Amino acid sequence: MDMSFLDKLQDTIDQGLKNSKELFGKAKDKAKDLGEIGVIRFEMKQLESQAEKLIAKLGSKVYEVIVVDEQKTVSASTPGVKEILNAVAGVRAEIEAKEEQLKNIE
């Protein structure tokens, strides 16, 4: 009867260790995912800041074209404006790619 008890005790301990290892593995994977999410969100904030700076630069360029250069109109193809708009579009595309990465992790 002692052997039966010891066998049951050993089985219980083994099962507990197995469950602990599985739980630890899941927790480790979740922590890794949370770390990746944090990095991606940080990168997105940096990109959003970059986009805001470009938009401010765009406003400054439009002001320059209208007031300093005394042009009557400004369009997306105006020199200087076009390059900034392309840069903003590039940053926006990067932000969208980061959002997709987040969707795949979460």
N, C-alpha and C. Protein backbone atom coordinates (compact mmCIF):
# COMPACT_ATOMS: atom_id res chain seq x y z
N MET A 1 0.82 -1.19 0.00
CA MET A 1 0.00 0.00 0.00
C MET A 1 0.86 1.25 0.00
N ASP A 2 2.02 1.19 0.60
CA ASP A 2 2.94 2.31 0.59
C ASP A 2 3.39 2.63 -0.83
N MET A 3 3.64 1.61 -1.63
CA MET A 3 4.09 1.82 -3.01
C MET A 3 2.99 2.49 -3.82
N SER A 4 1.78 2.09 -3.60
CA SER A 4 0.67 2.68 -4.32
C SER A 4 0.55 4.17 -3.97
N PHE A 5 0.68 4.47 -2.72
CA PHE A 5 0.63 5.86 -2.28
C PHE A 5 1.79 6.66 -2.87
N LEU A 6 2.99 6.08 -2.82
CA LEU A 6 4.17 6.75 -3.36
C LEU A 6 4.04 6.94 -4.88
N ASP A 7 3.49 5.94 -5.56
CA ASP A 7 3.28 6.05 -7.01
C ASP A 7 2.30 7.19 -7.32
N LYS A 8 1.22 7.24 -6.54
CA LYS A 8 0.23 8.30 -6.75
C LYS A 8 0.84 9.67 -6.46
N LEU A 9 1.63 9.74 -5.40
CA LEU A 9 2.28 10.99 -5.05
C LEU A 9 3.24 11.42 -6.16
N GLN A 10 4.02 10.46 -6.68
CA GLN A 10 4.96 10.76 -7.76
C GLN A 10 4.21 11.22 -9.01
N ASP A 11 3.09 10.55 -9.34
CA ASP A 11 2.29 10.94 -10.49
C ASP A 11 1.74 12.37 -10.32
N THR A 12 1.28 12.66 -9.11
CA THR A 12 0.75 13.99 -8.83
C THR A 12 1.84 15.05 -8.99
N ILE A 13 3.01 14.77 -8.47
CA ILE A 13 4.14 15.70 -8.58
C ILE A 13 4.53 15.87 -10.04
N ASP A 14 4.61 14.76 -10.78
CA ASP A 14 4.97 14.82 -12.20
C ASP A 14 3.95 15.65 -12.99
N GLN A 15 2.68 15.43 -12.71
CA GLN A 15 1.63 16.17 -13.40
C GLN A 15 1.71 17.66 -13.05
N GLY A 16 1.99 17.95 -11.79
CA GLY A 16 2.15 19.35 -11.36
C GLY A 16 3.31 20.02 -12.06
N LEU A 17 4.42 19.31 -12.19
CA LEU A 17 5.59 19.86 -12.90
C LEU A 17 5.28 20.09 -14.37
N LYS A 18 4.59 19.12 -14.97
CA LYS A 18 4.22 19.24 -16.38
C LYS A 18 3.33 20.46 -16.59
N ASN A 19 2.33 20.62 -15.73
CA ASN A 19 1.42 21.76 -15.84
C ASN A 19 2.16 23.08 -15.61
N SER A 20 3.09 23.07 -14.66
CA SER A 20 3.87 24.28 -14.39
C SER A 20 4.71 24.66 -15.59
N LYS A 21 5.34 23.66 -16.24
CA LYS A 21 6.16 23.92 -17.42
C LYS A 21 5.30 24.48 -18.56
N GLU A 22 4.11 23.91 -18.74
CA GLU A 22 3.21 24.40 -19.79
C GLU A 22 2.78 25.83 -19.51
N LEU A 23 2.43 26.09 -18.26
CA LEU A 23 2.00 27.43 -17.87
C LEU A 23 3.14 28.42 -18.05
N PHE A 24 4.34 28.03 -17.66
CA PHE A 24 5.51 28.90 -17.81
C PHE A 24 5.76 29.18 -19.29
N GLY A 25 5.64 28.16 -20.12
CA GLY A 25 5.83 28.35 -21.56
C GLY A 25 4.83 29.32 -22.14
N LYS A 26 3.57 29.17 -21.73
CA LYS A 26 2.52 30.10 -22.21
C LYS A 26 2.78 31.51 -21.71
N ALA A 27 3.17 31.64 -20.45
CA ALA A 27 3.46 32.97 -19.88
C ALA A 27 4.65 33.61 -20.60
N LYS A 28 5.64 32.80 -20.90
CA LYS A 28 6.83 33.29 -21.61
C LYS A 28 6.44 33.78 -23.01
N ASP A 29 5.62 33.01 -23.71
CA ASP A 29 5.16 33.42 -25.05
C ASP A 29 4.34 34.70 -24.98
N LYS A 30 3.48 34.81 -23.97
CA LYS A 30 2.65 36.00 -23.81
C LYS A 30 3.52 37.22 -23.51
N ALA A 31 4.52 37.06 -22.67
CA ALA A 31 5.43 38.16 -22.36
C ALA A 31 6.18 38.61 -23.61
N LYS A 32 6.58 37.64 -24.42
CA LYS A 32 7.26 37.97 -25.68
C LYS A 32 6.33 38.76 -26.58
N ASP A 33 5.07 38.32 -26.70
CA ASP A 33 4.09 39.03 -27.52
C ASP A 33 3.87 40.45 -27.00
N LEU A 34 3.75 40.59 -25.69
CA LEU A 34 3.54 41.91 -25.10
C LEU A 34 4.74 42.81 -25.35
N GLY A 35 5.93 42.25 -25.30
CA GLY A 35 7.14 43.02 -25.61
C GLY A 35 7.13 43.49 -27.05
N GLU A 36 6.77 42.61 -27.96
CA GLU A 36 6.69 42.97 -29.39
C GLU A 36 5.63 44.04 -29.61
N ILE A 37 4.50 43.91 -28.93
CA ILE A 37 3.42 44.90 -29.06
C ILE A 37 3.91 46.26 -28.59
N GLY A 38 4.62 46.28 -27.48
CA GLY A 38 5.16 47.55 -26.95
C GLY A 38 6.13 48.20 -27.92
N VAL A 39 6.99 47.40 -28.52
CA VAL A 39 7.96 47.93 -29.48
C VAL A 39 7.24 48.49 -30.70
N ILE A 40 6.27 47.75 -31.21
CA ILE A 40 5.54 48.21 -32.40
C ILE A 40 4.77 49.50 -32.10
N ARG A 41 4.14 49.57 -30.95
CA ARG A 41 3.40 50.79 -30.59
C ARG A 41 4.34 51.98 -30.44
N PHE A 42 5.52 51.74 -29.88
CA PHE A 42 6.51 52.80 -29.75
C PHE A 42 6.95 53.29 -31.13
N GLU A 43 7.20 52.35 -32.03
CA GLU A 43 7.59 52.71 -33.39
C GLU A 43 6.47 53.49 -34.09
N MET A 44 5.24 53.10 -33.84
CA MET A 44 4.10 53.81 -34.43
C MET A 44 4.03 55.25 -33.91
N LYS A 45 4.28 55.44 -32.63
CA LYS A 45 4.27 56.79 -32.05
C LYS A 45 5.37 57.64 -32.69
N GLN A 46 6.53 57.05 -32.91
CA GLN A 46 7.62 57.78 -33.56
C GLN A 46 7.22 58.16 -34.99
N LEU A 47 6.61 57.24 -35.70
CA LEU A 47 6.18 57.52 -37.07
C LEU A 47 5.09 58.60 -37.11
N GLU A 48 4.16 58.55 -36.15
CA GLU A 48 3.11 59.57 -36.08
C GLU A 48 3.72 60.95 -35.82
N SER A 49 4.73 60.99 -34.95
CA SER A 49 5.43 62.24 -34.67
C SER A 49 6.13 62.74 -35.93
N GLN A 50 6.75 61.83 -36.64
CA GLN A 50 7.43 62.18 -37.89
C GLN A 50 6.41 62.74 -38.90
N ALA A 51 5.24 62.12 -39.00
CA ALA A 51 4.20 62.59 -39.91
C ALA A 51 3.73 63.99 -39.52
N GLU A 52 3.57 64.23 -38.23
CA GLU A 52 3.15 65.56 -37.76
C GLU A 52 4.17 66.62 -38.13
N LYS A 53 5.44 66.30 -37.98
CA LYS A 53 6.50 67.25 -38.34
C LYS A 53 6.49 67.52 -39.84
N LEU A 54 6.27 66.48 -40.62
CA LEU A 54 6.21 66.67 -42.08
C LEU A 54 5.01 67.53 -42.47
N ILE A 55 3.89 67.34 -41.80
CA ILE A 55 2.70 68.13 -42.10
C ILE A 55 2.94 69.60 -41.72
N ALA A 56 3.62 69.83 -40.62
CA ALA A 56 3.98 71.21 -40.24
C ALA A 56 4.91 71.81 -41.29
N LYS A 57 5.85 71.00 -41.76
CA LYS A 57 6.77 71.45 -42.80
C LYS A 57 6.01 71.76 -44.09
N LEU A 58 4.99 70.97 -44.37
CA LEU A 58 4.15 71.19 -45.55
C LEU A 58 3.43 72.54 -45.44
N GLY A 59 2.88 72.82 -44.28
CA GLY A 59 2.21 74.11 -44.05
C GLY A 59 3.17 75.27 -44.24
N SER A 60 4.37 75.11 -43.73
CA SER A 60 5.38 76.14 -43.88
C SER A 60 5.74 76.35 -45.35
N LYS A 61 5.85 75.26 -46.08
CA LYS A 61 6.20 75.35 -47.50
C LYS A 61 5.07 76.03 -48.28
N VAL A 62 3.83 75.68 -47.98
CA VAL A 62 2.69 76.31 -48.66
C VAL A 62 2.69 77.81 -48.37
N TYR A 63 2.92 78.17 -47.13
CA TYR A 63 3.00 79.59 -46.75
C TYR A 63 4.10 80.28 -47.56
N GLU A 64 5.25 79.65 -47.62
CA GLU A 64 6.38 80.21 -48.37
C GLU A 64 6.02 80.42 -49.84
N VAL A 65 5.39 79.43 -50.44
CA VAL A 65 5.03 79.52 -51.86
C VAL A 65 4.03 80.65 -52.09
N ILE A 66 3.04 80.78 -51.23
CA ILE A 66 1.99 81.79 -51.41
C ILE A 66 2.47 83.19 -51.03
N VAL A 67 3.09 83.33 -49.87
CA VAL A 67 3.44 84.64 -49.36
C VAL A 67 4.80 85.13 -49.87
N VAL A 68 5.82 84.30 -49.71
CA VAL A 68 7.17 84.72 -50.08
C VAL A 68 7.36 84.72 -51.60
N ASP A 69 6.97 83.61 -52.23
CA ASP A 69 7.14 83.50 -53.68
C ASP A 69 6.01 84.17 -54.46
N GLU A 70 4.97 84.58 -53.75
CA GLU A 70 3.81 85.28 -54.31
C GLU A 70 3.11 84.50 -55.44
N GLN A 71 3.05 83.21 -55.30
CA GLN A 71 2.29 82.40 -56.27
C GLN A 71 0.82 82.45 -55.88
N LYS A 72 -0.04 82.41 -56.88
CA LYS A 72 -1.49 82.50 -56.64
C LYS A 72 -2.08 81.16 -56.22
N THR A 73 -1.47 80.07 -56.68
CA THR A 73 -2.01 78.75 -56.38
C THR A 73 -0.91 77.80 -55.93
N VAL A 74 -1.33 76.79 -55.21
CA VAL A 74 -0.44 75.73 -54.77
C VAL A 74 -1.16 74.42 -55.05
N SER A 75 -0.43 73.45 -55.57
CA SER A 75 -1.04 72.15 -55.83
C SER A 75 -0.10 71.04 -55.34
N ALA A 76 -0.57 69.82 -55.45
CA ALA A 76 0.23 68.67 -55.03
C ALA A 76 1.48 68.51 -55.88
N SER A 77 1.51 69.14 -57.05
CA SER A 77 2.68 69.02 -57.92
C SER A 77 3.63 70.21 -57.79
N THR A 78 3.31 71.17 -56.93
CA THR A 78 4.19 72.32 -56.71
C THR A 78 5.52 71.83 -56.15
N PRO A 79 6.65 72.27 -56.76
CA PRO A 79 7.97 71.86 -56.25
C PRO A 79 8.10 72.13 -54.76
N GLY A 80 8.63 71.19 -54.05
CA GLY A 80 8.76 71.29 -52.60
C GLY A 80 7.56 70.69 -51.89
N VAL A 81 6.38 70.99 -52.38
CA VAL A 81 5.15 70.46 -51.79
C VAL A 81 5.02 68.97 -52.14
N LYS A 82 5.29 68.66 -53.39
CA LYS A 82 5.17 67.28 -53.87
C LYS A 82 6.05 66.33 -53.05
N GLU A 83 7.30 66.73 -52.81
CA GLU A 83 8.24 65.88 -52.06
C GLU A 83 7.76 65.65 -50.63
N ILE A 84 7.24 66.69 -50.01
CA ILE A 84 6.75 66.54 -48.63
C ILE A 84 5.52 65.63 -48.60
N LEU A 85 4.62 65.80 -49.56
CA LEU A 85 3.44 64.94 -49.62
C LEU A 85 3.83 63.47 -49.82
N ASN A 86 4.82 63.24 -50.65
CA ASN A 86 5.31 61.86 -50.86
C ASN A 86 5.89 61.29 -49.57
N ALA A 87 6.63 62.12 -48.83
CA ALA A 87 7.21 61.67 -47.56
C ALA A 87 6.11 61.34 -46.56
N VAL A 88 5.08 62.18 -46.49
CA VAL A 88 3.95 61.92 -45.58
C VAL A 88 3.26 60.60 -45.96
N ALA A 89 3.06 60.40 -47.26
CA ALA A 89 2.42 59.16 -47.72
C ALA A 89 3.26 57.95 -47.34
N GLY A 90 4.56 58.07 -47.44
CA GLY A 90 5.45 56.97 -47.06
C GLY A 90 5.36 56.64 -45.58
N VAL A 91 5.33 57.68 -44.76
CA VAL A 91 5.21 57.47 -43.31
C VAL A 91 3.86 56.85 -42.98
N ARG A 92 2.81 57.32 -43.62
CA ARG A 92 1.47 56.76 -43.39
C ARG A 92 1.44 55.27 -43.76
N ALA A 93 2.10 54.92 -44.84
CA ALA A 93 2.16 53.51 -45.25
C ALA A 93 2.89 52.67 -44.20
N GLU A 94 3.95 53.23 -43.62
CA GLU A 94 4.68 52.52 -42.57
C GLU A 94 3.80 52.32 -41.34
N ILE A 95 3.02 53.33 -41.00
CA ILE A 95 2.10 53.23 -39.85
C ILE A 95 1.07 52.13 -40.10
N GLU A 96 0.52 52.09 -41.30
CA GLU A 96 -0.46 51.05 -41.64
C GLU A 96 0.16 49.66 -41.56
N ALA A 97 1.41 49.53 -41.99
CA ALA A 97 2.10 48.24 -41.90
C ALA A 97 2.27 47.82 -40.44
N LYS A 98 2.59 48.77 -39.58
CA LYS A 98 2.74 48.49 -38.14
C LYS A 98 1.40 48.07 -37.55
N GLU A 99 0.31 48.71 -37.99
CA GLU A 99 -1.02 48.35 -37.50
C GLU A 99 -1.35 46.91 -37.89
N GLU A 100 -0.97 46.50 -39.07
CA GLU A 100 -1.18 45.12 -39.51
C GLU A 100 -0.37 44.15 -38.65
N GLN A 101 0.87 44.54 -38.33
CA GLN A 101 1.69 43.70 -37.46
C GLN A 101 1.01 43.51 -36.11
N LEU A 102 0.44 44.58 -35.58
CA LEU A 102 -0.25 44.49 -34.29
C LEU A 102 -1.44 43.53 -34.38
N LYS A 103 -2.21 43.63 -35.47
CA LYS A 103 -3.37 42.76 -35.63
C LYS A 103 -2.95 41.29 -35.66
N ASN A 104 -1.80 41.01 -36.26
CA ASN A 104 -1.32 39.63 -36.35
C ASN A 104 -0.84 39.08 -35.02
N ILE A 105 -0.39 39.96 -34.13
CA ILE A 105 0.10 39.53 -32.82
C ILE A 105 -1.04 39.42 -31.82
N GLU A 106 -1.93 40.42 -31.83
CA GLU A 106 -2.99 40.48 -30.82
C GLU A 106 -4.07 39.49 -31.07
